[in-house]
Amino acid sequence: MSGEANYEYKVVNAPTSLLWFRIKRGETEQLLNDLAADGWELDDVVVNWWGGAELFLRRAR
């Protein structure tokens, strides 16, 4: 895949509640906004069957 070397990647977990491991929408939105201010953009999301999600982020080098 060409062009991928132009990005750096990181994975963060979406904030969840203790009850049923539900994703906290407001806190996740704030997290993504804070990361966007540093140049990160959401590239992909993996929702886990037991609850929660991994957010895959990337930004140009």
C-alpha atoms as a PDB file:
ATOM      1  CA  MET A   1       0.000   0.000   0.000  1.00  0.00           C
ATOM      2  CA  SER A   2       1.639   3.172  -1.126  1.00  0.00           C
ATOM      3  CA  GLY A   3       1.329   6.353   0.865  1.00  0.00           C
ATOM      4  CA  GLU A   4       0.952   4.721   4.280  1.00  0.00           C
ATOM      5  CA  ALA A   5       4.488   5.719   5.251  1.00  0.00           C
ATOM      6  CA  ASN A   6       3.258   9.320   5.203  1.00  0.00           C
ATOM      7  CA  TYR A   7       1.116   8.713   8.289  1.00  0.00           C
ATOM      8  CA  GLU A   8       1.703   7.770  11.878  1.00  0.00           C
ATOM      9  CA  TYR A   9      -0.912   5.687  13.644  1.00  0.00           C
ATOM     10  CA  LYS A  10      -2.094   5.110  17.197  1.00  0.00           C
ATOM     11  CA  VAL A  11      -4.889   3.210  18.900  1.00  0.00           C
ATOM     12  CA  VAL A  12      -6.902   4.493  21.858  1.00  0.00           C
ATOM     13  CA  ASN A  13      -9.824   2.933  23.688  1.00  0.00           C
ATOM     14  CA  ALA A  14     -13.154   4.718  23.697  1.00  0.00           C
ATOM     15  CA  PRO A  15     -14.224   5.722  27.225  1.00  0.00           C
ATOM     16  CA  THR A  16     -16.738   3.253  28.654  1.00  0.00           C
ATOM     17  CA  SER A  17     -18.988   3.020  31.679  1.00  0.00           C
ATOM     18  CA  LEU A  18     -18.670   0.192  34.165  1.00  0.00           C
ATOM     19  CA  LEU A  19     -22.270  -0.818  33.549  1.00  0.00           C
ATOM     20  CA  TRP A  20     -22.284  -3.135  30.521  1.00  0.00           C
ATOM     21  CA  PHE A  21     -19.109  -1.498  29.199  1.00  0.00           C
ATOM     22  CA  ARG A  22     -21.165   0.950  27.197  1.00  0.00           C
ATOM     23  CA  ILE A  23     -19.276   3.558  25.214  1.00  0.00           C
ATOM     24  CA  LYS A  24     -19.636   7.029  26.703  1.00  0.00           C
ATOM     25  CA  ARG A  25     -20.672   9.125  23.732  1.00  0.00           C
ATOM     26  CA  GLY A  26     -19.918  12.575  25.164  1.00  0.00           C
ATOM     27  CA  GLU A  27     -16.511  11.623  26.529  1.00  0.00           C
ATOM     28  CA  THR A  28     -15.577   9.832  23.305  1.00  0.00           C
ATOM     29  CA  GLU A  29     -16.567  12.892  21.284  1.00  0.00           C
ATOM     30  CA  GLN A  30     -14.453  15.122  23.553  1.00  0.00           C
ATOM     31  CA  LEU A  31     -11.499  12.725  23.285  1.00  0.00           C
ATOM     32  CA  LEU A  32     -11.698  12.776  19.484  1.00  0.00           C
ATOM     33  CA  ASN A  33     -11.974  16.580  19.448  1.00  0.00           C
ATOM     34  CA  ASP A  34      -8.894  16.888  21.676  1.00  0.00           C
ATOM     35  CA  LEU A  35      -6.945  14.503  19.461  1.00  0.00           C
ATOM     36  CA  ALA A  36      -8.101  16.349  16.324  1.00  0.00           C
ATOM     37  CA  ALA A  37      -6.642  19.550  17.769  1.00  0.00           C
ATOM     38  CA  ASP A  38      -3.268  17.745  17.716  1.00  0.00           C
ATOM     39  CA  GLY A  39      -3.740  16.706  14.086  1.00  0.00           C
ATOM     40  CA  TRP A  40      -5.149  13.202  14.612  1.00  0.00           C
ATOM     41  CA  GLU A  41      -8.076  11.968  12.533  1.00  0.00           C
ATOM     42  CA  LEU A  42     -10.237   8.913  13.027  1.00  0.00           C
ATOM     43  CA  ASP A  43      -9.226   6.225  10.528  1.00  0.00           C
ATOM     44  CA  ASP A  44     -11.158   3.166  11.737  1.00  0.00           C
ATOM     45  CA  VAL A  45     -13.144   1.793  14.686  1.00  0.00           C
ATOM     46  CA  VAL A  46     -13.344  -1.767  15.989  1.00  0.00           C
ATOM     47  CA  VAL A  47     -16.298  -2.422  18.293  1.00  0.00           C
ATOM     48  CA  ASN A  48     -15.608  -5.311  20.650  1.00  0.00           C
ATOM     49  CA  TRP A  49     -18.320  -7.902  21.235  1.00  0.00           C
ATOM     50  CA  TRP A  50     -17.933  -7.584  25.034  1.00  0.00           C
ATOM     51  CA  GLY A  51     -18.344  -3.809  24.863  1.00  0.00           C
ATOM     52  CA  GLY A  52     -16.130  -0.873  24.200  1.00  0.00           C
ATOM     53  CA  ALA A  53     -14.276   0.064  21.076  1.00  0.00           C
ATOM     54  CA  GLU A  54     -10.777   0.697  19.800  1.00  0.00           C
ATOM     55  CA  LEU A  55     -10.317   3.926  17.873  1.00  0.00           C
ATOM     56  CA  PHE A  56      -7.619   3.827  15.204  1.00  0.00           C
ATOM     57  CA  LEU A  57      -6.207   7.278  14.526  1.00  0.00           C
ATOM     58  CA  ARG A  58      -3.748   8.647  12.006  1.00  0.00           C
ATOM     59  CA  ARG A  59      -2.021  11.920  11.242  1.00  0.00           C
ATOM     60  CA  ALA A  60       0.303  13.117   8.544  1.00  0.00           C
ATOM     61  CA  ARG A  61       3.994  13.063   9.395  1.00  0.00           C
END
